[in-house]
Amino acid sequence: MKHSKDRKRAAHAVILAAVILLGAYTVFITPQAVKSMTPKVSVIFPQNMQYTPTVSCNGTVEYSELFSLTNEMPLVISKFTVGVGSKVDEGQTVALTDKEKTFEQLSALYGTSGLDTGSIAAAMKELPESICATSSGVVCSLANTGELIMPDTPIIQLADKSSLVLNAAVPEGLISRVKTGQSATVTASALDTSFEGTVSYISSCARKQYNGTAQETVVDITIEIENPTSELKSGFTAKGEIKTGVGQTLLTLPYSAICQDDKGEFVYVFKNGSAVRRDISTGLELAEVTQVLGVMSDEEIIDDPRDISSDCLVIKRAKEELE
């Protein structure tokens, strides 16, 4: 009987020791094990973004109007006193004539037609020594020196600097959104600065053009550039961004935070140490983010939620871990 009681006491002692060891394991070991097995996540906040719908187009900066300086008599230019790109004032001398070469070339041209050299020589007396600009502007082109320039053929072409425009092409699928009077931003490839402008012309016809090796249908438009500087030059390649709608504020998330299954789109909200599924819908898709509906700007959203399931325990990564 005594031995039986001793065996019972020994058994109770073993059980008590096991309970104590199990409790110690639960207190000191299990939390660490659970913590090491709990996935770490990065959280982000939805961001408000200002968005204005636009249509992009590419083209060339050009002068909208050119003024040609001509002479009523044929002549030969010996020298231009200005160059392409020079600013010219009204009345300024832009070229010097060569009467001797003019006489020689006119004699060779008309001598066989019965026009005597005396008549040509008399006409030379009316030929001016120099050519002056009849208006102010920027020199766009010059005739060749030493060659006979016939009447009404441009000796020099001028343009008003303020008449710079962007002549561009818009894909046919977007042209319905473009209207005359819409504001636009013009950025030349050679410059860091942008210029404001207005759509002033939309062609009534479409045309074909090659985009790389593919052919596309486009419509030509013109954007008048406001207050161009001397840095902006005719012939520059430029891009136009036409504002086609009213600006609005969008709540956005990166695509990496958006999940999708057969039930639809959703995100995981970090809440009380858990990943809580939240069904959402998306709107406008932009380059790096998308508009989201169904979350608040102050909610923490799990970014790139790999191997995460709804209501599972998660640990938020410390700031230093993200740097």
Protein backbone atom coordinates (compact mmCIF):
# COMPACT_ATOMS: atom_id res chain seq x y z
CA MET A 1 0.00 0.00 0.00
CA LYS A 2 2.82 2.33 0.89
CA HIS A 3 4.61 1.57 -2.37
CA SER A 4 1.43 2.36 -4.27
CA LYS A 5 1.19 5.78 -2.65
CA ASP A 6 4.85 6.46 -3.40
CA ARG A 7 4.29 5.60 -7.04
CA LYS A 8 1.30 7.96 -7.18
CA ARG A 9 3.31 10.77 -5.60
CA ALA A 10 6.12 10.21 -8.13
CA ALA A 11 3.64 10.26 -11.01
CA HIS A 12 2.10 13.50 -9.73
CA ALA A 13 5.58 15.03 -9.46
CA VAL A 14 6.38 14.07 -13.06
CA ILE A 15 3.09 15.52 -14.31
CA LEU A 16 3.66 18.72 -12.32
CA ALA A 17 7.16 19.06 -13.73
CA ALA A 18 5.84 18.53 -17.25
CA VAL A 19 3.18 21.20 -16.72
CA ILE A 20 5.82 23.62 -15.41
CA LEU A 21 8.11 22.91 -18.40
CA LEU A 22 5.21 23.29 -20.85
CA GLY A 23 4.25 26.59 -19.27
CA ALA A 24 7.82 27.80 -19.46
CA TYR A 25 7.96 26.79 -23.15
CA THR A 26 4.69 28.59 -23.83
CA VAL A 27 5.85 31.75 -22.07
CA PHE A 28 9.44 31.92 -23.25
CA ILE A 29 9.68 29.95 -26.49
CA THR A 30 6.34 29.94 -28.32
CA PRO A 31 5.97 33.77 -28.70
CA GLN A 32 9.38 33.94 -30.33
CA ALA A 33 8.56 31.04 -32.61
CA VAL A 34 5.23 32.58 -33.56
CA LYS A 35 6.86 35.94 -34.14
CA SER A 36 9.51 34.44 -36.40
CA MET A 37 6.85 32.68 -38.43
CA THR A 38 4.62 35.78 -38.76
CA PRO A 39 5.17 37.52 -42.13
CA LYS A 40 6.52 41.06 -42.15
CA VAL A 41 4.78 43.57 -44.38
CA SER A 42 5.33 47.08 -45.67
CA VAL A 43 2.43 49.48 -45.35
CA ILE A 44 1.60 52.59 -47.37
CA PHE A 45 -1.09 55.24 -47.30
CA PRO A 46 -3.29 56.02 -50.32
CA GLN A 47 -2.11 59.27 -51.90
CA ASN A 48 -4.17 62.18 -53.22
CA MET A 49 -3.09 63.12 -56.73
CA GLN A 50 -4.07 66.08 -58.89
CA TYR A 51 -5.06 64.83 -62.34
CA THR A 52 -6.09 66.67 -65.49
CA PRO A 53 -7.06 64.63 -68.57
CA THR A 54 -4.79 65.41 -71.51
CA VAL A 55 -4.05 64.35 -75.07
CA SER A 56 -0.41 64.15 -76.17
CA CYS A 57 0.85 65.02 -79.62
CA ASN A 58 4.22 65.44 -81.30
CA GLY A 59 5.30 67.80 -84.03
CA THR A 60 7.56 70.65 -85.12
CA VAL A 61 7.80 74.27 -84.02
CA GLU A 62 7.28 76.55 -87.03
CA TYR A 63 6.35 80.11 -87.92
CA SER A 64 2.67 80.55 -88.72
CA GLU A 65 3.28 83.44 -91.14
CA LEU A 66 6.21 84.26 -93.40
CA PHE A 67 6.72 87.64 -95.07
CA SER A 68 8.67 87.60 -98.34
CA LEU A 69 10.82 90.54 -99.36
CA THR A 70 10.92 90.83 -103.18
CA ASN A 71 11.96 93.35 -105.85
CA GLU A 72 10.17 94.44 -109.03
CA MET A 73 13.33 94.07 -111.11
CA PRO A 74 15.63 91.06 -111.54
CA LEU A 75 18.81 91.38 -109.52
CA VAL A 76 21.86 89.62 -108.17
CA ILE A 77 22.74 89.82 -104.47
CA SER A 78 26.43 90.27 -103.75
CA LYS A 79 26.15 90.01 -99.97
CA PHE A 80 23.60 89.63 -97.19
CA THR A 81 24.17 91.74 -94.08
CA VAL A 82 22.02 89.41 -91.94
CA GLY A 83 21.82 85.66 -91.46
CA VAL A 84 19.13 83.11 -90.82
CA GLY A 85 17.84 83.66 -87.28
CA SER A 86 18.85 87.34 -87.19
CA LYS A 87 16.35 89.83 -85.85
CA VAL A 88 15.58 92.55 -88.40
CA ASP A 89 13.96 95.95 -87.89
CA GLU A 90 11.85 97.70 -90.48
CA GLY A 91 14.04 99.84 -92.78
CA GLN A 92 17.23 97.93 -91.92
CA THR A 93 19.60 97.08 -94.80
CA VAL A 94 19.56 93.32 -95.30
CA ALA A 95 21.40 92.86 -98.61
CA LEU A 96 23.70 94.57 -101.15
CA THR A 97 23.10 94.25 -104.89
CA ASP A 98 25.69 93.51 -107.59
CA LYS A 99 24.81 95.68 -110.61
CA GLU A 100 27.67 94.39 -112.78
CA LYS A 101 26.66 90.74 -112.41
CA THR A 102 23.01 91.65 -112.78
CA PHE A 103 23.81 93.34 -116.13
CA GLU A 104 25.89 90.37 -117.29
CA GLN A 105 23.26 87.78 -116.45
CA LEU A 106 20.39 89.82 -117.89
CA SER A 107 22.35 90.38 -121.11
CA ALA A 108 23.01 86.64 -121.40
CA LEU A 109 19.36 85.85 -120.65
CA TYR A 110 17.62 88.43 -122.86
CA GLY A 111 20.30 89.31 -125.45
CA THR A 112 19.10 86.65 -127.88
CA SER A 113 15.48 87.83 -127.58
CA GLY A 114 16.19 91.21 -129.16
CA LEU A 115 16.47 93.29 -125.99
CA ASP A 116 19.49 95.56 -126.55
CA THR A 117 22.12 96.10 -123.92
CA GLY A 118 21.29 99.80 -123.85
CA SER A 119 17.84 99.09 -122.51
CA ILE A 120 19.30 96.73 -119.93
CA ALA A 121 21.91 99.32 -118.94
CA ALA A 122 19.17 101.94 -118.53
CA ALA A 123 17.23 99.56 -116.30
CA MET A 124 20.31 99.08 -114.16
CA LYS A 125 20.14 102.75 -113.18
CA GLU A 126 16.84 101.98 -111.42
CA LEU A 127 18.35 99.04 -109.51
CA PRO A 128 18.93 99.97 -105.82
CA GLU A 129 22.37 99.63 -104.27
CA SER A 130 20.89 97.84 -101.27
CA ILE A 131 17.73 96.06 -100.16
CA CYS A 132 15.97 97.19 -96.98
CA ALA A 133 13.43 95.29 -94.86
CA THR A 134 9.86 96.48 -95.26
CA SER A 135 8.83 94.99 -91.90
CA SER A 136 10.37 93.74 -88.69
CA GLY A 137 10.90 90.07 -87.96
CA VAL A 138 13.28 87.14 -87.76
CA VAL A 139 15.13 85.94 -90.86
CA CYS A 140 13.92 82.49 -91.89
CA SER A 141 15.56 82.05 -95.30
CA LEU A 142 17.84 83.82 -97.76
CA ALA A 143 18.20 83.56 -101.54
CA ASN A 144 21.53 82.50 -103.04
CA THR A 145 24.14 85.17 -103.64
CA GLY A 146 25.59 85.51 -107.13
CA GLU A 147 22.46 84.16 -108.81
CA LEU A 148 19.83 86.09 -110.73
CA ILE A 149 16.70 86.54 -108.62
CA MET A 150 13.59 87.15 -110.73
CA PRO A 151 10.77 89.57 -109.79
CA ASP A 152 8.38 88.33 -107.07
CA THR A 153 10.90 85.65 -106.04
CA PRO A 154 11.73 85.94 -102.31
CA ILE A 155 15.07 87.61 -101.62
CA ILE A 156 14.61 87.12 -97.91
CA GLN A 157 11.81 85.67 -95.78
CA LEU A 158 10.92 87.14 -92.39
CA ALA A 159 8.63 85.94 -89.64
CA ASP A 160 7.25 87.56 -86.53
CA LYS A 161 8.86 85.83 -83.51
CA SER A 162 5.53 85.84 -81.71
CA SER A 163 3.96 83.77 -84.51
CA LEU A 164 5.67 80.52 -83.47
CA VAL A 165 3.29 77.55 -83.42
CA LEU A 166 3.47 73.81 -82.89
CA ASN A 167 2.22 71.91 -85.92
CA ALA A 168 1.48 68.44 -84.61
CA ALA A 169 -0.48 65.26 -85.34
CA VAL A 170 -3.08 63.63 -83.06
CA PRO A 171 -4.04 59.94 -83.45
CA GLU A 172 -7.54 59.53 -84.85
CA GLY A 173 -8.72 57.70 -81.72
CA LEU A 174 -8.07 60.79 -79.58
CA ILE A 175 -9.04 63.63 -81.90
CA SER A 176 -12.67 63.68 -80.70
CA ARG A 177 -11.39 64.96 -77.33
CA VAL A 178 -9.52 67.90 -78.88
CA LYS A 179 -11.31 71.24 -79.47
CA THR A 180 -10.11 74.65 -80.65
CA GLY A 181 -9.57 77.00 -77.73
CA GLN A 182 -8.28 74.31 -75.36
CA SER A 183 -5.13 75.24 -73.45
CA ALA A 184 -1.95 73.26 -73.96
CA THR A 185 1.65 73.00 -72.79
CA VAL A 186 4.43 72.81 -75.38
CA THR A 187 7.83 71.35 -74.50
CA ALA A 188 10.68 71.38 -77.02
CA SER A 189 13.05 68.42 -76.97
CA ALA A 190 16.06 70.78 -76.89
CA LEU A 191 14.84 72.84 -73.92
CA ASP A 192 14.03 72.23 -70.25
CA THR A 193 11.37 74.94 -70.17
CA SER A 194 7.74 74.66 -71.32
CA PHE A 195 5.46 77.19 -72.99
CA GLU A 196 1.74 77.72 -72.69
CA GLY A 197 -0.38 77.65 -75.81
CA THR A 198 -3.86 77.31 -77.29
CA VAL A 199 -5.27 74.95 -79.91
CA SER A 200 -6.08 77.23 -82.86
CA TYR A 201 -6.65 74.83 -85.74
CA ILE A 202 -7.88 71.26 -86.33
CA SER A 203 -7.73 69.86 -89.85
CA SER A 204 -10.99 68.71 -91.38
CA CYS A 205 -9.17 65.75 -92.97
CA ALA A 206 -7.19 62.81 -91.63
CA ARG A 207 -4.04 61.41 -93.19
CA LYS A 208 -1.75 58.40 -92.91
CA GLN A 209 1.73 58.55 -91.42
CA TYR A 210 4.32 56.03 -90.30
CA ASN A 211 5.06 55.59 -86.61
CA GLY A 212 8.21 53.51 -86.75
CA THR A 213 7.32 50.67 -89.10
CA ALA A 214 3.56 50.86 -88.44
CA GLN A 215 1.19 53.12 -90.30
CA GLU A 216 -1.36 55.12 -88.33
CA THR A 217 -4.12 57.59 -89.10
CA VAL A 218 -3.68 61.08 -87.65
CA VAL A 219 -5.27 64.53 -87.79
CA ASP A 220 -3.11 67.65 -88.04
CA ILE A 221 -3.56 70.42 -85.47
CA THR A 222 -1.91 73.73 -84.66
CA ILE A 223 -1.10 75.07 -81.19
CA GLU A 224 -0.31 78.79 -80.96
CA ILE A 225 2.58 79.32 -78.54
CA GLU A 226 2.22 82.20 -76.09
CA ASN A 227 5.21 84.43 -75.28
CA PRO A 228 7.97 82.32 -76.90
CA THR A 229 11.51 83.20 -75.86
CA SER A 230 14.55 83.54 -78.09
CA GLU A 231 15.60 80.03 -77.04
CA LEU A 232 12.64 78.49 -78.84
CA LYS A 233 13.52 78.13 -82.50
CA SER A 234 11.63 77.24 -85.63
CA GLY A 235 12.39 73.66 -86.62
CA PHE A 236 12.60 72.30 -83.05
CA THR A 237 10.89 68.99 -82.35
CA ALA A 238 8.34 69.42 -79.56
CA LYS A 239 5.59 67.68 -77.62
CA GLY A 240 2.18 69.13 -76.86
CA GLU A 241 -0.02 68.24 -73.88
CA ILE A 242 -3.58 69.41 -74.56
CA LYS A 243 -5.85 69.79 -71.53
CA THR A 244 -9.10 68.12 -72.53
CA GLY A 245 -10.99 68.19 -69.23
CA VAL A 246 -11.33 69.67 -65.75
CA GLY A 247 -8.70 68.83 -63.14
CA GLN A 248 -9.72 66.59 -60.25
CA THR A 249 -8.23 64.99 -57.14
CA LEU A 250 -7.81 61.21 -57.23
CA LEU A 251 -7.05 58.81 -54.36
CA THR A 252 -4.40 56.45 -55.71
CA LEU A 253 -2.39 53.35 -54.85
CA PRO A 254 0.49 51.69 -56.72
CA TYR A 255 -0.44 48.63 -58.75
CA SER A 256 1.69 46.49 -56.42
CA ALA A 257 -0.86 46.94 -53.62
CA ILE A 258 -3.85 45.76 -55.69
CA CYS A 259 -4.92 42.10 -55.61
CA GLN A 260 -7.53 40.33 -57.69
CA ASP A 261 -9.33 37.00 -57.58
CA ASP A 262 -12.56 35.57 -58.97
CA LYS A 263 -14.54 37.83 -56.61
CA GLY A 264 -12.92 41.03 -57.86
CA GLU A 265 -10.26 43.55 -56.84
CA PHE A 266 -9.19 44.00 -53.22
CA VAL A 267 -6.45 45.23 -50.91
CA TYR A 268 -5.26 44.20 -47.47
CA VAL A 269 -5.70 46.81 -44.74
CA PHE A 270 -3.30 46.58 -41.77
CA LYS A 271 -5.52 46.59 -38.70
CA ASN A 272 -4.63 45.53 -35.14
CA GLY A 273 -1.78 43.33 -36.35
CA SER A 274 -3.86 41.55 -38.97
CA ALA A 275 -4.27 41.74 -42.74
CA VAL A 276 -7.95 42.53 -43.31
CA ARG A 277 -9.30 42.09 -46.83
CA ARG A 278 -11.11 45.10 -48.29
CA ASP A 279 -12.95 44.83 -51.60
CA ILE A 280 -12.36 47.89 -53.79
CA SER A 281 -12.84 49.14 -57.32
CA THR A 282 -10.31 50.93 -59.49
CA GLY A 283 -10.82 53.86 -61.85
CA LEU A 284 -8.35 55.77 -63.99
CA GLU A 285 -5.15 53.87 -64.66
CA LEU A 286 -2.04 56.05 -64.79
CA ALA A 287 1.62 55.25 -65.43
CA GLU A 288 2.58 54.01 -61.94
CA VAL A 289 -0.61 54.27 -59.87
CA THR A 290 -4.32 53.71 -60.25
CA GLN A 291 -7.36 55.43 -58.82
CA VAL A 292 -8.96 53.43 -55.99
CA LEU A 293 -12.45 53.58 -54.52
CA GLY A 294 -13.26 51.92 -51.20
CA VAL A 295 -10.39 52.97 -48.95
CA MET A 296 -9.60 56.08 -46.92
CA SER A 297 -6.46 58.20 -47.16
CA ASP A 298 -5.58 57.54 -43.48
CA GLU A 299 -5.75 53.73 -43.74
CA GLU A 300 -2.58 51.66 -43.82
CA ILE A 301 -2.54 49.43 -46.89
CA ILE A 302 -0.20 46.45 -47.21
CA ASP A 303 2.03 46.88 -50.23
CA ASP A 304 3.08 43.87 -52.32
CA PRO A 305 1.09 41.40 -50.14
CA ARG A 306 2.81 38.15 -51.09
CA ASP A 307 1.78 35.00 -49.20
CA ILE A 308 -0.82 36.99 -47.25
CA SER A 309 -4.31 35.68 -46.56
CA SER A 310 -7.31 37.40 -45.09
CA ASP A 311 -7.21 37.95 -41.31
CA CYS A 312 -3.75 36.41 -40.92
CA LEU A 313 -1.35 37.86 -38.37
CA VAL A 314 1.28 40.19 -39.82
CA ILE A 315 4.06 42.37 -38.45
CA LYS A 316 4.64 45.85 -39.81
CA ARG A 317 8.23 46.39 -40.90
CA ALA A 318 10.12 48.99 -38.90
CA LYS A 319 11.12 52.18 -40.69
CA GLU A 320 14.82 51.30 -40.55
CA GLU A 321 14.11 48.00 -42.29
CA LEU A 322 12.65 49.86 -45.26
CA GLU A 323 15.65 52.16 -45.73
